[in-house]
Structures are given as structure tokens and as C-alpha cells.
Amino acid sequence: MIGEKFIKESSIKIELKISSIKREKNIKPIKLVKPIPEDFFIKLITERRSVREYSEKPMSFEHLSFILYSASSVSGERMGIKLRTYPSAGAKYPIDIYVAVFNVENLEQGIYKYNDTKFQLELLAKGNYKKELYDISIQQDFVMQSAIMIILVARSLRSTYRYGERGIRYVLMDASYISSNIYLSSTYLNLGSCVIGSFADEAFKKFLNIKGDETFVVLAHTVGTIK
């Protein structure tokens, strides 16, 4: 579904008389003004990196809470709709967030579902599932070093029932916004994070016990204390 075939099928087809732009030739590029490197936001986005080496030091519960709040939480309300810390087409918010906890202070190991409207974790299964997630993630070594794994699961019907196949684009966009929030909040806390896009899709769905063709894991994030 996702790819060239999907893009063609999900394109908005409207008959418009549009001409292609005529590109200018031999035009000198315009130099932009560089922002101040010491600016807080500029410093944060330039320091952001994918970090794949973590220490054995546990993550604090406060840091986990901070990252999840930044990733997705209620930031306001409009016409009875609870708005989140990231944009979503039609305010459909088609991403569910799961957290695998391996090494967090004052929090039991296990698989949790994050309720972003109530800002709380709901325990689904107790235990250390690091080895299972390491295997699902094609045995990428840094998974075994991480303190947590945040898993973004698409419930695409929330978008596609309104926007059709094009809604899948919006689902992926939502996941990218959340991913960016995880990266930047981790950087702010001096923690390491790395997105994972390579994993066994069906095994991941089976592990989380999620069903339906419209439901799938988009990506995952490891987070841990930096060596």
C-alpha cells in the first residue's frame, strides 16, 4: 500500500488548468542569514543525533514522564477536541504509543500503553521483554543497551474513514511529528535516542497482540542514558 502504487491511488484527482513553472536560468543564489548558534532552539536541533550506545545507568521516572509528555499530551482544547503537542490532520490522532520499560527507576519492567489524554501508563504485561524486541528489531545491538523502547502503532482507520487512502499519508506524518518530539526531548535531557524502522512487521503485531490490516507498527525509538 505504501509506496509508488499507494501514492498514485491516494492522489487527489481534480481537473485544473495548471501550467508548469518556468525555471529561471543563471540566477545567483540568495545567501540566507544564519541564526545565532547559541540560540536555545538552534542549539537543540543541531545537537540532535541518533545515539546507539547507552550506559547501564537507569533512566529516571521523571525523564520518562518528560519524554512522553513531549511526545504526545493534551496541550489545549478547541470545540471539545483535546489538542495534543503535535499536529494531526482533522485532529484524528491515529497513533497509539506503547512503552517497553527495561531500566527505569521506580517503575516495574514490562510493556505499557501510554494514555496521552490522561497522561498515565497502563501496564499490559509484566517482565523484561528486551530479548524479544531485540529479535523483532532484526537484532540491532543497541536495543539490548537501552532503558526503554517507545513504539508507535498506527490505527489508520481513524484517518482513512474520513480521508480515504490519503489518510495513510497523514498517519505517517503524525508518527514523524511524535518521533521528532522524542528526539528533541531526549536531546534536551542529555539522553540518547535512536529511531528504528527496520523490524519484523508481523512479529511486532503478534507480540503486541494488535490485529487488523489497518493497524501496524510505524516505528520505534530506543532511549537510554549516554555513556
Foldseek 3Di string as FASTA:
>chain_A
DPDDVLCVVQDDDDDDPDDDDDDDPPDDDDDDDDDDCPPPVNVLVVPQDADLDFDQAAAEPVLVLQLLQLLWAFDDDDPRQGDINFDFVVSLPFKWKKKQADGYPPDFGAIWTADRHVSDTHGDGGDHCQVVVCVQLVNDPSSNRFRMKMWIKGQQCSQCVPSNSCSVVRSLVSVVRSVVSNRSSCSVVQKHKHKGQHGNWVSVCVVVVHDDPSMTIRIMMTIHHHD
